[in-house]
Amino acid sequence: MVSWGYLFASVMKKWTAIISSIAAGFLFAGCGSGEKAAATSDAVDPNVIAFPLDICLVGDKKLGSMGKPHTFVHDGREIKFCCEGCDDEFKANTAKYIKKFDDAVAAKKAAEDKPAD
């Protein structure tokens, strides 16, 4: 004879696992937008210095690894962060990050100006 309690519990466990998997799929589907940021960019405004790095100026994370990069212009420089969460750190230590930006621009220019062997 079939124990209906055991059969019901077995079916419910399977359905719970299936529904949980589907819910997790929907939940995590939005985590990666699939968009990847360009390593560097050409600023649209000729008076703005293009962002020279392929990593976040503050967090040193690959741009695009956390979704679309947070981009804005500060004192004629295009600044990019991996996320908006880096805003507070940038505001607290602006001079440090502007120096990092300027050093990266200088290094990129030196590499471009280096004669080919």
PDB file of N, CA and C in Angstrom:
ATOM      1  N   MET A   1       0.840  -1.175   0.000  1.00  0.00           N
ATOM      2  CA  MET A   1       0.000   0.000   0.000  1.00  0.00           C
ATOM      3  C   MET A   1       0.888   1.243   0.000  1.00  0.00           C
ATOM      4  N   VAL A   2       0.480   2.246  -0.722  1.00  0.00           N
ATOM      5  CA  VAL A   2       1.232   3.488  -0.876  1.00  0.00           C
ATOM      6  C   VAL A   2       0.948   4.400   0.303  1.00  0.00           C
ATOM      7  N   SER A   3       2.005   4.933   0.856  1.00  0.00           N
ATOM      8  CA  SER A   3       1.855   5.906   1.927  1.00  0.00           C
ATOM      9  C   SER A   3       1.687   7.274   1.280  1.00  0.00           C
ATOM     10  N   TRP A   4       0.485   7.813   1.364  1.00  0.00           N
ATOM     11  CA  TRP A   4       0.198   9.087   0.700  1.00  0.00           C
ATOM     12  C   TRP A   4       1.012  10.232   1.289  1.00  0.00           C
ATOM     13  N   GLY A   5       1.296  10.184   2.558  1.00  0.00           N
ATOM     14  CA  GLY A   5       2.110  11.225   3.192  1.00  0.00           C
ATOM     15  C   GLY A   5       3.521  11.253   2.614  1.00  0.00           C
ATOM     16  N   TYR A   6       4.121  10.063   2.425  1.00  0.00           N
ATOM     17  CA  TYR A   6       5.467   9.972   1.862  1.00  0.00           C
ATOM     18  C   TYR A   6       5.464  10.441   0.413  1.00  0.00           C
ATOM     19  N   LEU A   7       4.484  10.016  -0.358  1.00  0.00           N
ATOM     20  CA  LEU A   7       4.381  10.392  -1.767  1.00  0.00           C
ATOM     21  C   LEU A   7       4.207  11.903  -1.904  1.00  0.00           C
ATOM     22  N   PHE A   8       3.336  12.481  -1.093  1.00  0.00           N
ATOM     23  CA  PHE A   8       3.093  13.927  -1.131  1.00  0.00           C
ATOM     24  C   PHE A   8       4.368  14.692  -0.782  1.00  0.00           C
ATOM     25  N   ALA A   9       5.082  14.271   0.256  1.00  0.00           N
ATOM     26  CA  ALA A   9       6.318  14.945   0.674  1.00  0.00           C
ATOM     27  C   ALA A   9       7.377  14.856  -0.417  1.00  0.00           C
ATOM     28  N   SER A  10       7.478  13.727  -1.077  1.00  0.00           N
ATOM     29  CA  SER A  10       8.453  13.535  -2.143  1.00  0.00           C
ATOM     30  C   SER A  10       8.171  14.464  -3.324  1.00  0.00           C
ATOM     31  N   VAL A  11       6.916  14.549  -3.714  1.00  0.00           N
ATOM     32  CA  VAL A  11       6.520  15.423  -4.827  1.00  0.00           C
ATOM     33  C   VAL A  11       6.753  16.883  -4.457  1.00  0.00           C
ATOM     34  N   MET A  12       6.426  17.259  -3.242  1.00  0.00           N
ATOM     35  CA  MET A  12       6.604  18.650  -2.809  1.00  0.00           C
ATOM     36  C   MET A  12       8.081  19.041  -2.787  1.00  0.00           C
ATOM     37  N   LYS A  13       8.969  18.135  -2.394  1.00  0.00           N
ATOM     38  CA  LYS A  13      10.401  18.432  -2.390  1.00  0.00           C
ATOM     39  C   LYS A  13      10.893  18.700  -3.809  1.00  0.00           C
ATOM     40  N   LYS A  14      10.426  17.896  -4.758  1.00  0.00           N
ATOM     41  CA  LYS A  14      10.843  18.083  -6.152  1.00  0.00           C
ATOM     42  C   LYS A  14      10.349  19.418  -6.690  1.00  0.00           C
ATOM     43  N   TRP A  15       9.086  19.739  -6.431  1.00  0.00           N
ATOM     44  CA  TRP A  15       8.531  21.005  -6.917  1.00  0.00           C
ATOM     45  C   TRP A  15       9.197  22.199  -6.243  1.00  0.00           C
ATOM     46  N   THR A  16       9.527  22.073  -4.980  1.00  0.00           N
ATOM     47  CA  THR A  16      10.219  23.157  -4.277  1.00  0.00           C
ATOM     48  C   THR A  16      11.583  23.403  -4.915  1.00  0.00           C
ATOM     49  N   ALA A  17      12.295  22.341  -5.252  1.00  0.00           N
ATOM     50  CA  ALA A  17      13.605  22.480  -5.890  1.00  0.00           C
ATOM     51  C   ALA A  17      13.472  23.127  -7.268  1.00  0.00           C
ATOM     52  N   ILE A  18      12.475  22.725  -8.035  1.00  0.00           N
ATOM     53  CA  ILE A  18      12.264  23.281  -9.374  1.00  0.00           C
ATOM     54  C   ILE A  18      11.910  24.761  -9.293  1.00  0.00           C
ATOM     55  N   ILE A  19      10.985  25.102  -8.435  1.00  0.00           N
ATOM     56  CA  ILE A  19      10.550  26.502  -8.304  1.00  0.00           C
ATOM     57  C   ILE A  19      11.692  27.369  -7.778  1.00  0.00           C
ATOM     58  N   SER A  20      12.470  26.847  -6.844  1.00  0.00           N
ATOM     59  CA  SER A  20      13.617  27.602  -6.317  1.00  0.00           C
ATOM     60  C   SER A  20      14.646  27.864  -7.409  1.00  0.00           C
ATOM     61  N   SER A  21      14.884  26.877  -8.256  1.00  0.00           N
ATOM     62  CA  SER A  21      15.842  27.043  -9.355  1.00  0.00           C
ATOM     63  C   SER A  21      15.368  28.092 -10.345  1.00  0.00           C
ATOM     64  N   ILE A  22      14.098  28.074 -10.668  1.00  0.00           N
ATOM     65  CA  ILE A  22      13.538  29.062 -11.593  1.00  0.00           C
ATOM     66  C   ILE A  22      13.629  30.457 -10.992  1.00  0.00           C
ATOM     67  N   ALA A  23      13.283  30.585  -9.723  1.00  0.00           N
ATOM     68  CA  ALA A  23      13.349  31.889  -9.055  1.00  0.00           C
ATOM     69  C   ALA A  23      14.787  32.409  -9.027  1.00  0.00           C
ATOM     70  N   ALA A  24      15.738  31.538  -8.745  1.00  0.00           N
ATOM     71  CA  ALA A  24      17.149  31.950  -8.724  1.00  0.00           C
ATOM     72  C   ALA A  24      17.596  32.397 -10.111  1.00  0.00           C
ATOM     73  N   GLY A  25      17.121  31.710 -11.135  1.00  0.00           N
ATOM     74  CA  GLY A  25      17.458  32.101 -12.505  1.00  0.00           C
ATOM     75  C   GLY A  25      16.983  33.501 -12.826  1.00  0.00           C
ATOM     76  N   PHE A  26      15.760  33.820 -12.457  1.00  0.00           N
ATOM     77  CA  PHE A  26      15.236  35.167 -12.688  1.00  0.00           C
ATOM     78  C   PHE A  26      15.968  36.199 -11.843  1.00  0.00           C
ATOM     79  N   LEU A  27      16.263  35.842 -10.616  1.00  0.00           N
ATOM     80  CA  LEU A  27      16.928  36.765  -9.701  1.00  0.00           C
ATOM     81  C   LEU A  27      18.319  37.138 -10.198  1.00  0.00           C
ATOM     82  N   PHE A  28      19.093  36.158 -10.631  1.00  0.00           N
ATOM     83  CA  PHE A  28      20.472  36.414 -11.027  1.00  0.00           C
ATOM     84  C   PHE A  28      20.635  36.746 -12.502  1.00  0.00           C
ATOM     85  N   ALA A  29      19.585  36.655 -13.269  1.00  0.00           N
ATOM     86  CA  ALA A  29      19.683  36.986 -14.690  1.00  0.00           C
ATOM     87  C   ALA A  29      20.028  38.447 -14.893  1.00  0.00           C
ATOM     88  N   GLY A  30      19.606  39.323 -14.007  1.00  0.00           N
ATOM     89  CA  GLY A  30      19.879  40.746 -14.151  1.00  0.00           C
ATOM     90  C   GLY A  30      21.242  41.168 -13.651  1.00  0.00           C
ATOM     91  N   CYS A  31      22.000  40.283 -13.026  1.00  0.00           N
ATOM     92  CA  CYS A  31      23.304  40.667 -12.473  1.00  0.00           C
ATOM     93  C   CYS A  31      24.313  41.007 -13.549  1.00  0.00           C
ATOM     94  N   GLY A  32      24.345  40.285 -14.606  1.00  0.00           N
ATOM     95  CA  GLY A  32      25.280  40.572 -15.694  1.00  0.00           C
ATOM     96  C   GLY A  32      24.510  41.038 -16.897  1.00  0.00           C
ATOM     97  N   SER A  33      24.689  42.298 -17.259  1.00  0.00           N
ATOM     98  CA  SER A  33      23.929  42.834 -18.377  1.00  0.00           C
ATOM     99  C   SER A  33      24.485  42.370 -19.708  1.00  0.00           C
ATOM    100  N   GLY A  34      25.678  41.797 -19.696  1.00  0.00           N
ATOM    101  CA  GLY A  34      26.275  41.355 -20.935  1.00  0.00           C
ATOM    102  C   GLY A  34      27.005  42.471 -21.660  1.00  0.00           C
ATOM    103  N   GLU A  35      26.839  43.699 -21.202  1.00  0.00           N
ATOM    104  CA  GLU A  35      27.524  44.817 -21.830  1.00  0.00           C
ATOM    105  C   GLU A  35      28.913  44.924 -21.234  1.00  0.00           C
ATOM    106  N   LYS A  36      29.889  45.072 -22.094  1.00  0.00           N
ATOM    107  CA  LYS A  36      31.260  45.261 -21.639  1.00  0.00           C
ATOM    108  C   LYS A  36      31.705  46.648 -22.068  1.00  0.00           C
ATOM    109  N   ALA A  37      32.398  47.319 -21.185  1.00  0.00           N
ATOM    110  CA  ALA A  37      32.879  48.663 -21.481  1.00  0.00           C
ATOM    111  C   ALA A  37      34.118  48.585 -22.353  1.00  0.00           C
ATOM    112  N   ALA A  38      34.292  49.588 -23.176  1.00  0.00           N
ATOM    113  CA  ALA A  38      35.508  49.681 -23.961  1.00  0.00           C
ATOM    114  C   ALA A  38      36.674  49.918 -23.011  1.00  0.00           C
ATOM    115  N   ALA A  39      37.839  49.419 -23.378  1.00  0.00           N
ATOM    116  CA  ALA A  39      39.008  49.572 -22.516  1.00  0.00           C
ATOM    117  C   ALA A  39      39.307  51.043 -22.262  1.00  0.00           C
ATOM    118  N   THR A  40      39.306  51.816 -23.276  1.00  0.00           N
ATOM    119  CA  THR A  40      39.459  53.262 -23.138  1.00  0.00           C
ATOM    120  C   THR A  40      38.427  53.892 -24.047  1.00  0.00           C
ATOM    121  N   SER A  41      38.293  55.184 -23.954  1.00  0.00           N
ATOM    122  CA  SER A  41      37.285  55.822 -24.782  1.00  0.00           C
ATOM    123  C   SER A  41      37.831  57.099 -25.378  1.00  0.00           C
ATOM    124  N   ASP A  42      37.179  57.540 -26.420  1.00  0.00           N
ATOM    125  CA  ASP A  42      37.463  58.840 -26.998  1.00  0.00           C
ATOM    126  C   ASP A  42      36.361  59.751 -26.517  1.00  0.00           C
ATOM    127  N   ALA A  43      36.734  60.781 -25.799  1.00  0.00           N
ATOM    128  CA  ALA A  43      35.740  61.700 -25.257  1.00  0.00           C
ATOM    129  C   ALA A  43      34.984  62.352 -26.409  1.00  0.00           C
ATOM    130  N   VAL A  44      33.686  62.512 -26.235  1.00  0.00           N
ATOM    131  CA  VAL A  44      32.849  63.122 -27.257  1.00  0.00           C
ATOM    132  C   VAL A  44      33.194  64.598 -27.405  1.00  0.00           C
ATOM    133  N   ASP A  45      33.395  65.276 -26.303  1.00  0.00           N
ATOM    134  CA  ASP A  45      33.744  66.695 -26.299  1.00  0.00           C
ATOM    135  C   ASP A  45      35.259  66.822 -26.470  1.00  0.00           C
ATOM    136  N   PRO A  46      35.730  67.570 -27.484  1.00  0.00           N
ATOM    137  CA  PRO A  46      37.177  67.686 -27.692  1.00  0.00           C
ATOM    138  C   PRO A  46      37.897  68.391 -26.543  1.00  0.00           C
ATOM    139  N   ASN A  47      37.166  69.100 -25.699  1.00  0.00           N
ATOM    140  CA  ASN A  47      37.766  69.780 -24.552  1.00  0.00           C
ATOM    141  C   ASN A  47      37.873  68.880 -23.326  1.00  0.00           C
ATOM    142  N   VAL A  48      37.411  67.642 -23.450  1.00  0.00           N
ATOM    143  CA  VAL A  48      37.435  66.692 -22.337  1.00  0.00           C
ATOM    144  C   VAL A  48      38.499  65.635 -22.625  1.00  0.00           C
ATOM    145  N   ILE A  49      39.342  65.381 -21.633  1.00  0.00           N
ATOM    146  CA  ILE A  49      40.383  64.358 -21.769  1.00  0.00           C
ATOM    147  C   ILE A  49      39.734  62.991 -21.578  1.00  0.00           C
ATOM    148  N   ALA A  50      39.901  62.115 -22.566  1.00  0.00           N
ATOM    149  CA  ALA A  50      39.291  60.782 -22.529  1.00  0.00           C
ATOM    150  C   ALA A  50      39.875  59.945 -21.396  1.00  0.00           C
ATOM    151  N   PHE A  51      39.056  59.070 -20.853  1.00  0.00           N
ATOM    152  CA  PHE A  51      39.488  58.181 -19.772  1.00  0.00           C
ATOM    153  C   PHE A  51      40.528  57.208 -20.321  1.00  0.00           C
ATOM    154  N   PRO A  52      41.725  57.146 -19.720  1.00  0.00           N
ATOM    155  CA  PRO A  52      42.822  56.372 -20.300  1.00  0.00           C
ATOM    156  C   PRO A  52      42.948  54.921 -19.829  1.00  0.00           C
ATOM    157  N   LEU A  53      42.127  54.507 -18.895  1.00  0.00           N
ATOM    158  CA  LEU A  53      42.287  53.192 -18.278  1.00  0.00           C
ATOM    159  C   LEU A  53      41.168  52.238 -18.670  1.00  0.00           C
ATOM    160  N   ASP A  54      41.380  50.942 -18.434  1.00  0.00           N
ATOM    161  CA  ASP A  54      40.316  49.955 -18.619  1.00  0.00           C
ATOM    162  C   ASP A  54      39.833  49.425 -17.272  1.00  0.00           C
ATOM    163  N   ILE A  55      40.278  50.098 -16.198  1.00  0.00           N
ATOM    164  CA  ILE A  55      39.864  49.743 -14.842  1.00  0.00           C
ATOM    165  C   ILE A  55      39.272  50.962 -14.157  1.00  0.00           C
ATOM    166  N   CYS A  56      38.528  50.722 -13.096  1.00  0.00           N
ATOM    167  CA  CYS A  56      37.930  51.790 -12.294  1.00  0.00           C
ATOM    168  C   CYS A  56      39.033  52.652 -11.688  1.00  0.00           C
ATOM    169  N   LEU A  57      38.868  53.951 -11.743  1.00  0.00           N
ATOM    170  CA  LEU A  57      39.853  54.872 -11.193  1.00  0.00           C
ATOM    171  C   LEU A  57      40.010  54.685  -9.686  1.00  0.00           C
ATOM    172  N   VAL A  58      38.937  54.324  -9.000  1.00  0.00           N
ATOM    173  CA  VAL A  58      38.965  54.173  -7.542  1.00  0.00           C
ATOM    174  C   VAL A  58      39.149  52.715  -7.131  1.00  0.00           C
ATOM    175  N   GLY A  59      38.298  51.837  -7.623  1.00  0.00           N
ATOM    176  CA  GLY A  59      38.273  50.449  -7.158  1.00  0.00           C
ATOM    177  C   GLY A  59      39.216  49.505  -7.870  1.00  0.00           C
ATOM    178  N   ASP A  60      39.853  49.958  -8.951  1.00  0.00           N
ATOM    179  CA  ASP A  60      40.771  49.129  -9.740  1.00  0.00           C
ATOM    180  C   ASP A  60      40.122  47.856 -10.274  1.00  0.00           C
ATOM    181  N   LYS A  61      38.804  47.854 -10.401  1.00  0.00           N
ATOM    182  CA  LYS A  61      38.095  46.709 -10.977  1.00  0.00           C
ATOM    183  C   LYS A  61      37.920  46.947 -12.476  1.00  0.00           C
ATOM    184  N   LYS A  62      37.880  45.880 -13.246  1.00  0.00           N
ATOM    185  CA  LYS A  62      37.701  45.965 -14.692  1.00  0.00           C
ATOM    186  C   LYS A  62      36.383  46.677 -14.988  1.00  0.00           C
ATOM    187  N   LEU A  63      36.441  47.699 -15.834  1.00  0.00           N
ATOM    188  CA  LEU A  63      35.215  48.407 -16.200  1.00  0.00           C
ATOM    189  C   LEU A  63      34.280  47.453 -16.929  1.00  0.00           C
ATOM    190  N   GLY A  64      33.028  47.459 -16.561  1.00  0.00           N
ATOM    191  CA  GLY A  64      32.038  46.563 -17.139  1.00  0.00           C
ATOM    192  C   GLY A  64      31.843  45.299 -16.329  1.00  0.00           C
ATOM    193  N   SER A  65      32.714  45.049 -15.361  1.00  0.00           N
ATOM    194  CA  SER A  65      32.592  43.829 -14.560  1.00  0.00           C
ATOM    195  C   SER A  65      31.425  43.899 -13.580  1.00  0.00           C
ATOM    196  N   MET A  66      30.945  45.106 -13.312  1.00  0.00           N
ATOM    197  CA  MET A  66      29.831  45.277 -12.375  1.00  0.00           C
ATOM    198  C   MET A  66      28.652  45.958 -13.064  1.00  0.00           C
ATOM    199  N   GLY A  67      28.557  45.769 -14.360  1.00  0.00           N
ATOM    200  CA  GLY A  67      27.510  46.436 -15.125  1.00  0.00           C
ATOM    201  C   GLY A  67      28.078  47.647 -15.840  1.00  0.00           C
ATOM    202  N   LYS A  68      27.189  48.493 -16.292  1.00  0.00           N
ATOM    203  CA  LYS A  68      27.610  49.677 -17.040  1.00  0.00           C
ATOM    204  C   LYS A  68      28.399  50.612 -16.121  1.00  0.00           C
ATOM    205  N   PRO A  69      29.596  51.063 -16.559  1.00  0.00           N
ATOM    206  CA  PRO A  69      30.398  51.962 -15.719  1.00  0.00           C
ATOM    207  C   PRO A  69      29.697  53.294 -15.459  1.00  0.00           C
ATOM    208  N   HIS A  70      29.969  53.853 -14.294  1.00  0.00           N
ATOM    209  CA  HIS A  70      29.469  55.182 -13.919  1.00  0.00           C
ATOM    210  C   HIS A  70      30.454  56.187 -14.512  1.00  0.00           C
ATOM    211  N   THR A  71      29.986  57.049 -15.416  1.00  0.00           N
ATOM    212  CA  THR A  71      30.843  57.979 -16.141  1.00  0.00           C
ATOM    213  C   THR A  71      30.372  59.407 -15.937  1.00  0.00           C
ATOM    214  N   PHE A  72      31.328  60.317 -15.731  1.00  0.00           N
ATOM    215  CA  PHE A  72      31.014  61.738 -15.615  1.00  0.00           C
ATOM    216  C   PHE A  72      32.267  62.538 -15.951  1.00  0.00           C
ATOM    217  N   VAL A  73      32.123  63.852 -16.077  1.00  0.00           N
ATOM    218  CA  VAL A  73      33.252  64.728 -16.377  1.00  0.00           C
ATOM    219  C   VAL A  73      33.569  65.550 -15.137  1.00  0.00           C
ATOM    220  N   HIS A  74      34.860  65.591 -14.783  1.00  0.00           N
ATOM    221  CA  HIS A  74      35.326  66.375 -13.634  1.00  0.00           C
ATOM    222  C   HIS A  74      36.526  67.201 -14.093  1.00  0.00           C
ATOM    223  N   ASP A  75      36.415  68.515 -14.026  1.00  0.00           N
ATOM    224  CA  ASP A  75      37.502  69.428 -14.411  1.00  0.00           C
ATOM    225  C   ASP A  75      38.112  69.067 -15.766  1.00  0.00           C
ATOM    226  N   GLY A  76      37.270  68.820 -16.754  1.00  0.00           N
ATOM    227  CA  GLY A  76      37.752  68.538 -18.102  1.00  0.00           C
ATOM    228  C   GLY A  76      38.303  67.144 -18.301  1.00  0.00           C
ATOM    229  N   ARG A  77      38.041  66.249 -17.374  1.00  0.00           N
ATOM    230  CA  ARG A  77      38.499  64.864 -17.467  1.00  0.00           C
ATOM    231  C   ARG A  77      37.295  63.928 -17.413  1.00  0.00           C
ATOM    232  N   GLU A  78      37.270  62.968 -18.325  1.00  0.00           N
ATOM    233  CA  GLU A  78      36.227  61.943 -18.292  1.00  0.00           C
ATOM    234  C   GLU A  78      36.623  60.920 -17.227  1.00  0.00           C
ATOM    235  N   ILE A  79      35.793  60.769 -16.213  1.00  0.00           N
ATOM    236  CA  ILE A  79      36.071  59.856 -15.105  1.00  0.00           C
ATOM    237  C   ILE A  79      35.124  58.666 -15.209  1.00  0.00           C
ATOM    238  N   LYS A  80      35.657  57.464 -14.990  1.00  0.00           N
ATOM    239  CA  LYS A  80      34.831  56.250 -15.015  1.00  0.00           C
ATOM    240  C   LYS A  80      35.086  55.433 -13.758  1.00  0.00           C
ATOM    241  N   PHE A  81      33.980  54.968 -13.174  1.00  0.00           N
ATOM    242  CA  PHE A  81      34.025  54.072 -12.019  1.00  0.00           C
ATOM    243  C   PHE A  81      33.343  52.767 -12.397  1.00  0.00           C
ATOM    244  N   CYS A  82      33.683  51.705 -11.679  1.00  0.00           N
ATOM    245  CA  CYS A  82      33.020  50.417 -11.893  1.00  0.00           C
ATOM    246  C   CYS A  82      31.565  50.477 -11.440  1.00  0.00           C
ATOM    247  N   CYS A  83      31.285  51.378 -10.470  1.00  0.00           N
ATOM    248  CA  CYS A  83      29.926  51.524  -9.950  1.00  0.00           C
ATOM    249  C   CYS A  83      29.801  52.885  -9.265  1.00  0.00           C
ATOM    250  N   GLU A  84      28.592  53.288  -8.971  1.00  0.00           N
ATOM    251  CA  GLU A  84      28.376  54.576  -8.310  1.00  0.00           C
ATOM    252  C   GLU A  84      28.895  54.584  -6.877  1.00  0.00           C
ATOM    253  N   GLY A  85      29.127  53.418  -6.314  1.00  0.00           N
ATOM    254  CA  GLY A  85      29.622  53.325  -4.949  1.00  0.00           C
ATOM    255  C   GLY A  85      31.004  53.942  -4.761  1.00  0.00           C
ATOM    256  N   CYS A  86      31.751  54.119  -5.839  1.00  0.00           N
ATOM    257  CA  CYS A  86      33.093  54.709  -5.746  1.00  0.00           C
ATOM    258  C   CYS A  86      33.054  56.231  -5.655  1.00  0.00           C
ATOM    259  N   ASP A  87      31.876  56.821  -5.847  1.00  0.00           N
ATOM    260  CA  ASP A  87      31.717  58.278  -5.802  1.00  0.00           C
ATOM    261  C   ASP A  87      32.218  58.888  -4.495  1.00  0.00           C
ATOM    262  N   ASP A  88      31.817  58.336  -3.368  1.00  0.00           N
ATOM    263  CA  ASP A  88      32.179  58.903  -2.066  1.00  0.00           C
ATOM    264  C   ASP A  88      33.691  58.902  -1.854  1.00  0.00           C
ATOM    265  N   GLU A  89      34.345  57.807  -2.223  1.00  0.00           N
ATOM    266  CA  GLU A  89      35.807  57.723  -2.075  1.00  0.00           C
ATOM    267  C   GLU A  89      36.491  58.749  -2.977  1.00  0.00           C
ATOM    268  N   PHE A  90      35.987  58.914  -4.196  1.00  0.00           N
ATOM    269  CA  PHE A  90      36.555  59.907  -5.116  1.00  0.00           C
ATOM    270  C   PHE A  90      36.411  61.315  -4.542  1.00  0.00           C
ATOM    271  N   LYS A  91      35.240  61.621  -4.015  1.00  0.00           N
ATOM    272  CA  LYS A  91      35.003  62.953  -3.442  1.00  0.00           C
ATOM    273  C   LYS A  91      35.879  63.200  -2.217  1.00  0.00           C
ATOM    274  N   ALA A  92      36.131  62.167  -1.438  1.00  0.00           N
ATOM    275  CA  ALA A  92      36.944  62.309  -0.231  1.00  0.00           C
ATOM    276  C   ALA A  92      38.432  62.479  -0.551  1.00  0.00           C
ATOM    277  N   ASN A  93      38.883  61.928  -1.667  1.00  0.00           N
ATOM    278  CA  ASN A  93      40.305  61.955  -2.032  1.00  0.00           C
ATOM    279  C   ASN A  93      40.491  62.353  -3.492  1.00  0.00           C
ATOM    280  N   THR A  94      39.828  63.415  -3.905  1.00  0.00           N
ATOM    281  CA  THR A  94      39.828  63.817  -5.310  1.00  0.00           C
ATOM    282  C   THR A  94      41.237  64.032  -5.853  1.00  0.00           C
ATOM    283  N   ALA A  95      42.087  64.740  -5.130  1.00  0.00           N
ATOM    284  CA  ALA A  95      43.439  65.042  -5.624  1.00  0.00           C
ATOM    285  C   ALA A  95      44.222  63.759  -5.916  1.00  0.00           C
ATOM    286  N   LYS A  96      44.079  62.766  -5.060  1.00  0.00           N
ATOM    287  CA  LYS A  96      44.770  61.484  -5.246  1.00  0.00           C
ATOM    288  C   LYS A  96      44.349  60.831  -6.565  1.00  0.00           C
ATOM    289  N   TYR A  97      43.040  60.824  -6.834  1.00  0.00           N
ATOM    290  CA  TYR A  97      42.545  60.142  -8.026  1.00  0.00           C
ATOM    291  C   TYR A  97      42.770  60.960  -9.296  1.00  0.00           C
ATOM    292  N   ILE A  98      42.786  62.280  -9.185  1.00  0.00           N
ATOM    293  CA  ILE A  98      43.106  63.111 -10.349  1.00  0.00           C
ATOM    294  C   ILE A  98      44.572  62.897 -10.729  1.00  0.00           C
ATOM    295  N   LYS A  99      45.451  62.771  -9.734  1.00  0.00           N
ATOM    296  CA  LYS A  99      46.865  62.482 -10.016  1.00  0.00           C
ATOM    297  C   LYS A  99      46.993  61.119 -10.692  1.00  0.00           C
ATOM    298  N   LYS A 100      46.255  60.138 -10.215  1.00  0.00           N
ATOM    299  CA  LYS A 100      46.278  58.803 -10.822  1.00  0.00           C
ATOM    300  C   LYS A 100      45.816  58.882 -12.274  1.00  0.00           C
ATOM    301  N   PHE A 101      44.768  59.664 -12.531  1.00  0.00           N
ATOM    302  CA  PHE A 101      44.252  59.870 -13.888  1.00  0.00           C
ATOM    303  C   PHE A 101      45.327  60.515 -14.758  1.00  0.00           C
ATOM    304  N   ASP A 102      45.903  61.625 -14.274  1.00  0.00           N
ATOM    305  CA  ASP A 102      46.905  62.359 -15.049  1.00  0.00           C
ATOM    306  C   ASP A 102      48.140  61.502 -15.325  1.00  0.00           C
ATOM    307  N   ASP A 103      48.560  60.702 -14.359  1.00  0.00           N
ATOM    308  CA  ASP A 103      49.696  59.795 -14.561  1.00  0.00           C
ATOM    309  C   ASP A 103      49.380  58.758 -15.642  1.00  0.00           C
ATOM    310  N   ALA A 104      48.152  58.256 -15.652  1.00  0.00           N
ATOM    311  CA  ALA A 104      47.746  57.275 -16.661  1.00  0.00           C
ATOM    312  C   ALA A 104      47.703  57.911 -18.048  1.00  0.00           C
ATOM    313  N   VAL A 105      47.235  59.152 -18.136  1.00  0.00           N
ATOM    314  CA  VAL A 105      47.215  59.863 -19.423  1.00  0.00           C
ATOM    315  C   VAL A 105      48.644  60.038 -19.930  1.00  0.00           C
ATOM    316  N   ALA A 106      49.550  60.456 -19.038  1.00  0.00           N
ATOM    317  CA  ALA A 106      50.950  60.659 -19.424  1.00  0.00           C
ATOM    318  C   ALA A 106      51.591  59.344 -19.873  1.00  0.00           C
ATOM    319  N   ALA A 107      51.323  58.259 -19.165  1.00  0.00           N
ATOM    320  CA  ALA A 107      51.881  56.954 -19.522  1.00  0.00           C
ATOM    321  C   ALA A 107      51.350  56.486 -20.877  1.00  0.00           C
ATOM    322  N   LYS A 108      50.074  56.709 -21.120  1.00  0.00           N
ATOM    323  CA  LYS A 108      49.477  56.311 -22.398  1.00  0.00           C
ATOM    324  C   LYS A 108      50.084  57.127 -23.534  1.00  0.00           C
ATOM    325  N   LYS A 109      50.252  58.424 -23.318  1.00  0.00           N
ATOM    326  CA  LYS A 109      50.837  59.290 -24.346  1.00  0.00           C
ATOM    327  C   LYS A 109      52.281  58.886 -24.621  1.00  0.00           C
ATOM    328  N   ALA A 110      53.047  58.582 -23.571  1.00  0.00           N
ATOM    329  CA  ALA A 110      54.439  58.160 -23.739  1.00  0.00           C
ATOM    330  C   ALA A 110      54.519  56.858 -24.535  1.00  0.00           C
ATOM    331  N   ALA A 111      53.599  55.936 -24.271  1.00  0.00           N
ATOM    332  CA  ALA A 111      53.581  54.665 -24.996  1.00  0.00           C
ATOM    333  C   ALA A 111      53.228  54.880 -26.465  1.00  0.00           C
ATOM    334  N   GLU A 112      52.316  55.814 -26.734  1.00  0.00           N
ATOM    335  CA  GLU A 112      51.923  56.101 -28.117  1.00  0.00           C
ATOM    336  C   GLU A 112      53.039  56.816 -28.871  1.00  0.00           C
ATOM    337  N   ASP A 113      53.805  57.666 -28.173  1.00  0.00           N
ATOM    338  CA  ASP A 113      54.866  58.446 -28.804  1.00  0.00           C
ATOM    339  C   ASP A 113      56.170  57.670 -28.946  1.00  0.00           C
ATOM    340  N   LYS A 114      56.263  56.529 -28.280  1.00  0.00           N
ATOM    341  CA  LYS A 114      57.483  55.722 -28.332  1.00  0.00           C
ATOM    342  C   LYS A 114      57.667  55.198 -29.754  1.00  0.00           C
ATOM    343  N   PRO A 115      58.866  55.403 -30.323  1.00  0.00           N
ATOM    344  CA  PRO A 115      59.089  54.928 -31.696  1.00  0.00           C
ATOM    345  C   PRO A 115      59.056  53.400 -31.758  1.00  0.00           C
ATOM    346  N   ALA A 116      58.544  52.902 -32.862  1.00  0.00           N
ATOM    347  CA  ALA A 116      58.470  51.454 -33.056  1.00  0.00           C
ATOM    348  C   ALA A 116      59.864  50.912 -33.325  1.00  0.00           C
ATOM    349  N   ASP A 117      60.156  49.750 -32.793  1.00  0.00           N
ATOM    350  CA  ASP A 117      61.488  49.146 -32.991  1.00  0.00           C
ATOM    351  C   ASP A 117      61.586  48.489 -34.337  1.00  0.00           C
TER     352      ASP A 117
END
